[in-house]
């Protein structure tokens, strides 16, 4: 077995001791694609600009 392949398959000392086992809990929460977040930010920017033009501060 090549040396580089053996290195990739062996767990590190921290994962071998069970100290880094938080991946199961990382899958909770809302999942949204990045383009939705960018679209929401763009829409909010447009809404704020339009609101400033239509409703100027008194």
C-alpha atoms as a PDB file:
ATOM      1  CA  UNK A   1       0.000   0.000   0.000  1.00  0.00           C
ATOM      2  CA  UNK A   2       1.428   3.404  -0.928  1.00  0.00           C
ATOM      3  CA  UNK A   3       2.455   5.635   1.915  1.00  0.00           C
ATOM      4  CA  UNK A   4       0.158   8.557   0.937  1.00  0.00           C
ATOM      5  CA  UNK A   5      -2.925   6.322   0.883  1.00  0.00           C
ATOM      6  CA  UNK A   6      -2.115   4.871   4.289  1.00  0.00           C
ATOM      7  CA  UNK A   7      -1.775   8.382   5.744  1.00  0.00           C
ATOM      8  CA  UNK A   8      -5.206   9.433   4.487  1.00  0.00           C
ATOM      9  CA  UNK A   9      -6.968   6.382   5.914  1.00  0.00           C
ATOM     10  CA  UNK A  10      -5.552   6.538   9.420  1.00  0.00           C
ATOM     11  CA  UNK A  11      -7.436   8.828  11.828  1.00  0.00           C
ATOM     12  CA  UNK A  12      -5.590  11.549  13.673  1.00  0.00           C
ATOM     13  CA  UNK A  13      -4.812  11.293  17.375  1.00  0.00           C
ATOM     14  CA  UNK A  14      -7.759  13.498  18.388  1.00  0.00           C
ATOM     15  CA  UNK A  15     -10.362  11.668  16.334  1.00  0.00           C
ATOM     16  CA  UNK A  16      -8.974   8.346  17.470  1.00  0.00           C
ATOM     17  CA  UNK A  17      -9.497   9.361  21.093  1.00  0.00           C
ATOM     18  CA  UNK A  18     -13.078  10.456  20.390  1.00  0.00           C
ATOM     19  CA  UNK A  19     -12.410  14.107  21.158  1.00  0.00           C
ATOM     20  CA  UNK A  20     -13.683  15.474  17.842  1.00  0.00           C
ATOM     21  CA  UNK A  21     -17.116  13.919  17.336  1.00  0.00           C
ATOM     22  CA  UNK A  22     -19.457  16.819  16.583  1.00  0.00           C
ATOM     23  CA  UNK A  23     -20.337  16.101  12.944  1.00  0.00           C
ATOM     24  CA  UNK A  24     -23.668  14.425  13.773  1.00  0.00           C
ATOM     25  CA  UNK A  25     -25.018  17.618  15.357  1.00  0.00           C
ATOM     26  CA  UNK A  26     -23.841  19.918  12.558  1.00  0.00           C
ATOM     27  CA  UNK A  27     -26.707  18.903  10.243  1.00  0.00           C
ATOM     28  CA  UNK A  28     -29.481  20.670  12.174  1.00  0.00           C
ATOM     29  CA  UNK A  29     -30.877  24.010  11.070  1.00  0.00           C
ATOM     30  CA  UNK A  30     -32.291  25.688   8.009  1.00  0.00           C
ATOM     31  CA  UNK A  31     -30.597  24.726   4.766  1.00  0.00           C
ATOM     32  CA  UNK A  32     -30.676  27.377   2.050  1.00  0.00           C
ATOM     33  CA  UNK A  33     -28.717  27.650  -1.142  1.00  0.00           C
ATOM     34  CA  UNK A  34     -26.292  30.584  -1.358  1.00  0.00           C
ATOM     35  CA  UNK A  35     -28.073  32.240  -4.279  1.00  0.00           C
ATOM     36  CA  UNK A  36     -31.239  32.546  -2.154  1.00  0.00           C
ATOM     37  CA  UNK A  37     -29.319  34.463   0.516  1.00  0.00           C
ATOM     38  CA  UNK A  38     -27.799  36.759  -2.115  1.00  0.00           C
ATOM     39  CA  UNK A  39     -31.231  37.315  -3.661  1.00  0.00           C
ATOM     40  CA  UNK A  40     -32.758  38.178  -0.283  1.00  0.00           C
ATOM     41  CA  UNK A  41     -29.954  40.634   0.468  1.00  0.00           C
ATOM     42  CA  UNK A  42     -30.395  42.280  -2.935  1.00  0.00           C
ATOM     43  CA  UNK A  43     -34.182  42.492  -2.492  1.00  0.00           C
ATOM     44  CA  UNK A  44     -33.790  44.040   0.967  1.00  0.00           C
ATOM     45  CA  UNK A  45     -31.377  46.622  -0.444  1.00  0.00           C
ATOM     46  CA  UNK A  46     -33.842  47.565  -3.183  1.00  0.00           C
ATOM     47  CA  UNK A  47     -36.699  47.802  -0.665  1.00  0.00           C
ATOM     48  CA  UNK A  48     -34.693  50.138   1.575  1.00  0.00           C
ATOM     49  CA  UNK A  49     -33.670  52.392  -1.339  1.00  0.00           C
ATOM     50  CA  UNK A  50     -37.239  52.581  -2.660  1.00  0.00           C
ATOM     51  CA  UNK A  51     -38.583  53.290   0.832  1.00  0.00           C
ATOM     52  CA  UNK A  52     -36.086  56.138   1.267  1.00  0.00           C
ATOM     53  CA  UNK A  53     -37.158  57.674  -2.058  1.00  0.00           C
ATOM     54  CA  UNK A  54     -40.899  57.333  -1.418  1.00  0.00           C
ATOM     55  CA  UNK A  55     -40.890  58.181   2.292  1.00  0.00           C
ATOM     56  CA  UNK A  56     -38.230  60.832   2.909  1.00  0.00           C
ATOM     57  CA  UNK A  57     -37.441  61.566   6.572  1.00  0.00           C
ATOM     58  CA  UNK A  58     -39.296  64.561   7.986  1.00  0.00           C
END
